[in-house]
Protein backbone atom coordinates (compact mmCIF):
# COMPACT_ATOMS: atom_id res chain seq x y z
CA UNK A 1 13.39 -6.66 -3.40
CA UNK A 2 10.95 -9.53 -2.86
CA UNK A 3 8.62 -9.58 0.14
CA UNK A 4 10.39 -12.72 1.36
CA UNK A 5 13.62 -10.70 1.51
CA UNK A 6 11.88 -7.75 3.15
CA UNK A 7 10.42 -10.06 5.82
CA UNK A 8 13.44 -12.35 6.17
CA UNK A 9 11.53 -15.26 4.65
CA UNK A 10 8.66 -15.05 7.11
CA UNK A 11 5.90 -13.88 4.75
CA UNK A 12 4.80 -14.56 1.21
CA UNK A 13 3.11 -12.02 -1.02
CA UNK A 14 -0.22 -13.65 -0.25
CA UNK A 15 0.47 -13.58 3.51
CA UNK A 16 1.32 -9.88 3.40
CA UNK A 17 -1.77 -9.11 1.33
CA UNK A 18 -4.03 -10.93 3.80
CA UNK A 19 -2.40 -9.33 6.85
CA UNK A 20 -2.73 -5.83 5.41
CA UNK A 21 -6.10 -6.41 3.74
CA UNK A 22 -4.64 -5.48 0.36
CA UNK A 23 -4.45 -7.05 -3.06
CA UNK A 24 -1.51 -9.17 -4.09
CA UNK A 25 -0.83 -6.52 -6.74
CA UNK A 26 -0.37 -3.91 -3.99
CA UNK A 27 2.29 -6.07 -2.38
CA UNK A 28 4.08 -6.48 -5.72
CA UNK A 29 4.22 -2.68 -5.80
CA UNK A 30 6.05 -2.78 -2.46
CA UNK A 31 8.53 -5.19 -4.01
CA UNK A 32 9.22 -2.72 -6.80
CA UNK A 33 9.90 0.12 -4.37
CA UNK A 34 11.50 -2.05 -1.69
CA UNK A 35 9.49 -0.20 0.95
CA UNK A 36 6.54 -1.11 3.10
CA UNK A 37 4.10 1.82 3.28
CA UNK A 38 4.10 3.53 6.70
CA UNK A 39 0.59 2.39 7.58
CA UNK A 40 1.54 -1.28 7.25
CA UNK A 41 4.93 -1.39 8.97
CA UNK A 42 3.67 -2.42 12.41
CA UNK A 43 1.34 -5.09 11.01
CA UNK A 44 4.15 -6.64 8.98
CA UNK A 45 6.55 -6.52 11.93
CA UNK A 46 3.96 -8.10 14.22
CA UNK A 47 3.26 -10.83 11.63
CA UNK A 48 6.93 -11.78 11.60
CA UNK A 49 6.91 -12.13 15.38
CA UNK A 50 8.96 -8.91 15.54
CA UNK A 51 11.88 -10.68 13.83
CA UNK A 52 11.65 -7.87 11.30
CA UNK A 53 11.36 -4.64 13.26
CA UNK A 54 9.82 -1.34 12.18
CA UNK A 55 13.39 -0.01 12.13
CA UNK A 56 14.40 -2.78 9.68
CA UNK A 57 11.49 -1.96 7.40
CA UNK A 58 11.51 1.83 7.52
CA UNK A 59 14.47 3.41 9.33
CA UNK A 60 13.42 6.72 7.79
CA UNK A 61 10.25 6.63 9.92
CA UNK A 62 11.52 4.53 12.86
CA UNK A 63 15.08 5.85 13.30
CA UNK A 64 15.85 4.08 16.59
CA UNK A 65 16.06 0.25 16.66
CA UNK A 66 13.42 0.08 19.44
CA UNK A 67 10.94 2.45 17.78
CA UNK A 68 7.55 0.86 17.15
CA UNK A 69 8.27 -2.27 19.18
CA UNK A 70 5.90 -3.39 21.93
CA UNK A 71 6.92 -2.38 25.43
CA UNK A 72 7.96 -5.93 26.33
CA UNK A 73 10.70 -5.77 23.67
CA UNK A 74 11.93 -2.40 24.91
CA UNK A 75 12.29 -3.74 28.45
CA UNK A 76 14.22 -6.79 27.25
CA UNK A 77 16.70 -4.71 25.23
């Protein structure tokens, strides 16, 4: 799955690499697995303006749709 699919078209491979301070090759590895590593989930969600939530990225780690979201999002839900 491409990073654009993972982030609903909000980030490119280069964007994700810059946000997470990783190499482009590391992001391509994510594409192969289709999973964002746990330590980068919040950064990627934040970079998409929370359009892609931690739950969307890793429901195995964030099992509730509000998990990992800033408090303002929890209050609005």
